[in-house]
């Protein structure tokens, strides 16, 4: 999944604090951090603001006490 497609899937909304973002302020967060074996795939990446991404760091949402607004899902080909 590309960054832009992740942002589109999540409607440019941080999946932790629900703030509205744009292409210049949005970041991609790995739900299960890559350092802990997480992969860059649809079900493991979400849109995040920089503040939440830094706060969560190399932890899972549970470890960081930062629940996701919704569970990330794969996008079917041609959805965009």
C-alpha atoms as a PDB file:
ATOM      1  CA  UNK A   1       0.000   0.000   0.000  1.00  0.00           C
ATOM      2  CA  UNK A   2       1.216   3.472  -0.860  1.00  0.00           C
ATOM      3  CA  UNK A   3       1.110   6.368   1.586  1.00  0.00           C
ATOM      4  CA  UNK A   4      -1.529   8.197  -0.452  1.00  0.00           C
ATOM      5  CA  UNK A   5      -3.750   5.122  -0.617  1.00  0.00           C
ATOM      6  CA  UNK A   6      -3.476   4.599   3.151  1.00  0.00           C
ATOM      7  CA  UNK A   7      -4.434   8.241   3.719  1.00  0.00           C
ATOM      8  CA  UNK A   8      -7.379   7.926   1.318  1.00  0.00           C
ATOM      9  CA  UNK A   9      -8.606   4.741   2.998  1.00  0.00           C
ATOM     10  CA  UNK A  10      -8.527   6.493   6.383  1.00  0.00           C
ATOM     11  CA  UNK A  11     -10.021   9.720   4.955  1.00  0.00           C
ATOM     12  CA  UNK A  12      -6.955  11.702   6.067  1.00  0.00           C
ATOM     13  CA  UNK A  13      -7.995  11.279   9.715  1.00  0.00           C
ATOM     14  CA  UNK A  14      -5.570  10.285  12.475  1.00  0.00           C
ATOM     15  CA  UNK A  15      -6.695   6.866  13.645  1.00  0.00           C
ATOM     16  CA  UNK A  16      -5.638   7.662  17.221  1.00  0.00           C
ATOM     17  CA  UNK A  17      -6.886  11.193  17.983  1.00  0.00           C
ATOM     18  CA  UNK A  18      -9.293  11.710  15.027  1.00  0.00           C
ATOM     19  CA  UNK A  19      -7.786  15.017  13.918  1.00  0.00           C
ATOM     20  CA  UNK A  20      -8.173  15.916  10.234  1.00  0.00           C
ATOM     21  CA  UNK A  21      -4.907  15.889   8.271  1.00  0.00           C
ATOM     22  CA  UNK A  22      -3.658  16.670   4.787  1.00  0.00           C
ATOM     23  CA  UNK A  23      -0.895  15.225   2.634  1.00  0.00           C
ATOM     24  CA  UNK A  24       1.735  17.424   4.292  1.00  0.00           C
ATOM     25  CA  UNK A  25       0.731  16.611   7.904  1.00  0.00           C
ATOM     26  CA  UNK A  26      -0.244  12.928   7.684  1.00  0.00           C
ATOM     27  CA  UNK A  27       2.163  10.123   8.583  1.00  0.00           C
ATOM     28  CA  UNK A  28       1.916   6.350   8.287  1.00  0.00           C
ATOM     29  CA  UNK A  29       2.039   4.341  11.505  1.00  0.00           C
ATOM     30  CA  UNK A  30       2.642   0.606  11.751  1.00  0.00           C
ATOM     31  CA  UNK A  31       0.151  -0.784  14.273  1.00  0.00           C
ATOM     32  CA  UNK A  32       2.552  -3.596  15.156  1.00  0.00           C
ATOM     33  CA  UNK A  33       5.884  -1.759  14.826  1.00  0.00           C
ATOM     34  CA  UNK A  34       8.324  -3.020  12.238  1.00  0.00           C
ATOM     35  CA  UNK A  35      10.881  -3.422  15.028  1.00  0.00           C
ATOM     36  CA  UNK A  36       8.547  -5.994  16.596  1.00  0.00           C
ATOM     37  CA  UNK A  37       7.943  -7.928  13.393  1.00  0.00           C
ATOM     38  CA  UNK A  38       5.151  -5.842  11.889  1.00  0.00           C
ATOM     39  CA  UNK A  39       4.902  -5.733   8.114  1.00  0.00           C
ATOM     40  CA  UNK A  40       4.033  -2.929   5.734  1.00  0.00           C
ATOM     41  CA  UNK A  41       0.652  -4.287   4.687  1.00  0.00           C
ATOM     42  CA  UNK A  42      -2.912  -2.946   4.611  1.00  0.00           C
ATOM     43  CA  UNK A  43      -3.925  -4.540   7.905  1.00  0.00           C
ATOM     44  CA  UNK A  44      -0.925  -3.143   9.794  1.00  0.00           C
ATOM     45  CA  UNK A  45      -0.724   0.491   8.665  1.00  0.00           C
ATOM     46  CA  UNK A  46      -2.880   3.482   9.575  1.00  0.00           C
ATOM     47  CA  UNK A  47      -2.913   7.229   9.081  1.00  0.00           C
ATOM     48  CA  UNK A  48      -1.538   9.119  12.058  1.00  0.00           C
ATOM     49  CA  UNK A  49      -0.672  12.683  12.969  1.00  0.00           C
ATOM     50  CA  UNK A  50       2.978  13.289  13.834  1.00  0.00           C
ATOM     51  CA  UNK A  51       2.185  13.905  17.514  1.00  0.00           C
ATOM     52  CA  UNK A  52       0.404  10.550  17.918  1.00  0.00           C
ATOM     53  CA  UNK A  53       3.006   8.721  15.835  1.00  0.00           C
ATOM     54  CA  UNK A  54       5.783   9.999  18.094  1.00  0.00           C
ATOM     55  CA  UNK A  55       3.784   9.346  21.269  1.00  0.00           C
ATOM     56  CA  UNK A  56       3.081   5.740  20.261  1.00  0.00           C
ATOM     57  CA  UNK A  57       6.684   5.168  19.233  1.00  0.00           C
ATOM     58  CA  UNK A  58       7.850   1.562  18.966  1.00  0.00           C
ATOM     59  CA  UNK A  59       4.871   0.217  20.928  1.00  0.00           C
ATOM     60  CA  UNK A  60       1.570  -1.393  20.037  1.00  0.00           C
ATOM     61  CA  UNK A  61      -1.597   0.656  20.558  1.00  0.00           C
ATOM     62  CA  UNK A  62      -2.328  -1.411  23.683  1.00  0.00           C
ATOM     63  CA  UNK A  63       1.150  -0.844  25.132  1.00  0.00           C
ATOM     64  CA  UNK A  64       0.841   2.903  24.428  1.00  0.00           C
ATOM     65  CA  UNK A  65      -2.756   3.057  25.712  1.00  0.00           C
ATOM     66  CA  UNK A  66      -3.790   4.531  22.357  1.00  0.00           C
ATOM     67  CA  UNK A  67      -6.742   2.591  20.914  1.00  0.00           C
ATOM     68  CA  UNK A  68      -7.415   2.786  17.194  1.00  0.00           C
ATOM     69  CA  UNK A  69     -10.616   4.415  15.944  1.00  0.00           C
ATOM     70  CA  UNK A  70     -11.146   1.468  13.593  1.00  0.00           C
ATOM     71  CA  UNK A  71      -9.326  -1.705  12.631  1.00  0.00           C
ATOM     72  CA  UNK A  72      -7.292  -1.261   9.429  1.00  0.00           C
ATOM     73  CA  UNK A  73      -8.591  -3.301   6.507  1.00  0.00           C
ATOM     74  CA  UNK A  74      -7.299  -4.200   3.105  1.00  0.00           C
ATOM     75  CA  UNK A  75      -8.582  -2.162   0.196  1.00  0.00           C
ATOM     76  CA  UNK A  76      -9.927  -4.038  -2.795  1.00  0.00           C
ATOM     77  CA  UNK A  77      -8.248  -3.375  -6.123  1.00  0.00           C
ATOM     78  CA  UNK A  78      -9.861  -0.451  -7.909  1.00  0.00           C
ATOM     79  CA  UNK A  79     -11.371   1.058  -4.757  1.00  0.00           C
ATOM     80  CA  UNK A  80      -9.694   4.362  -5.545  1.00  0.00           C
END
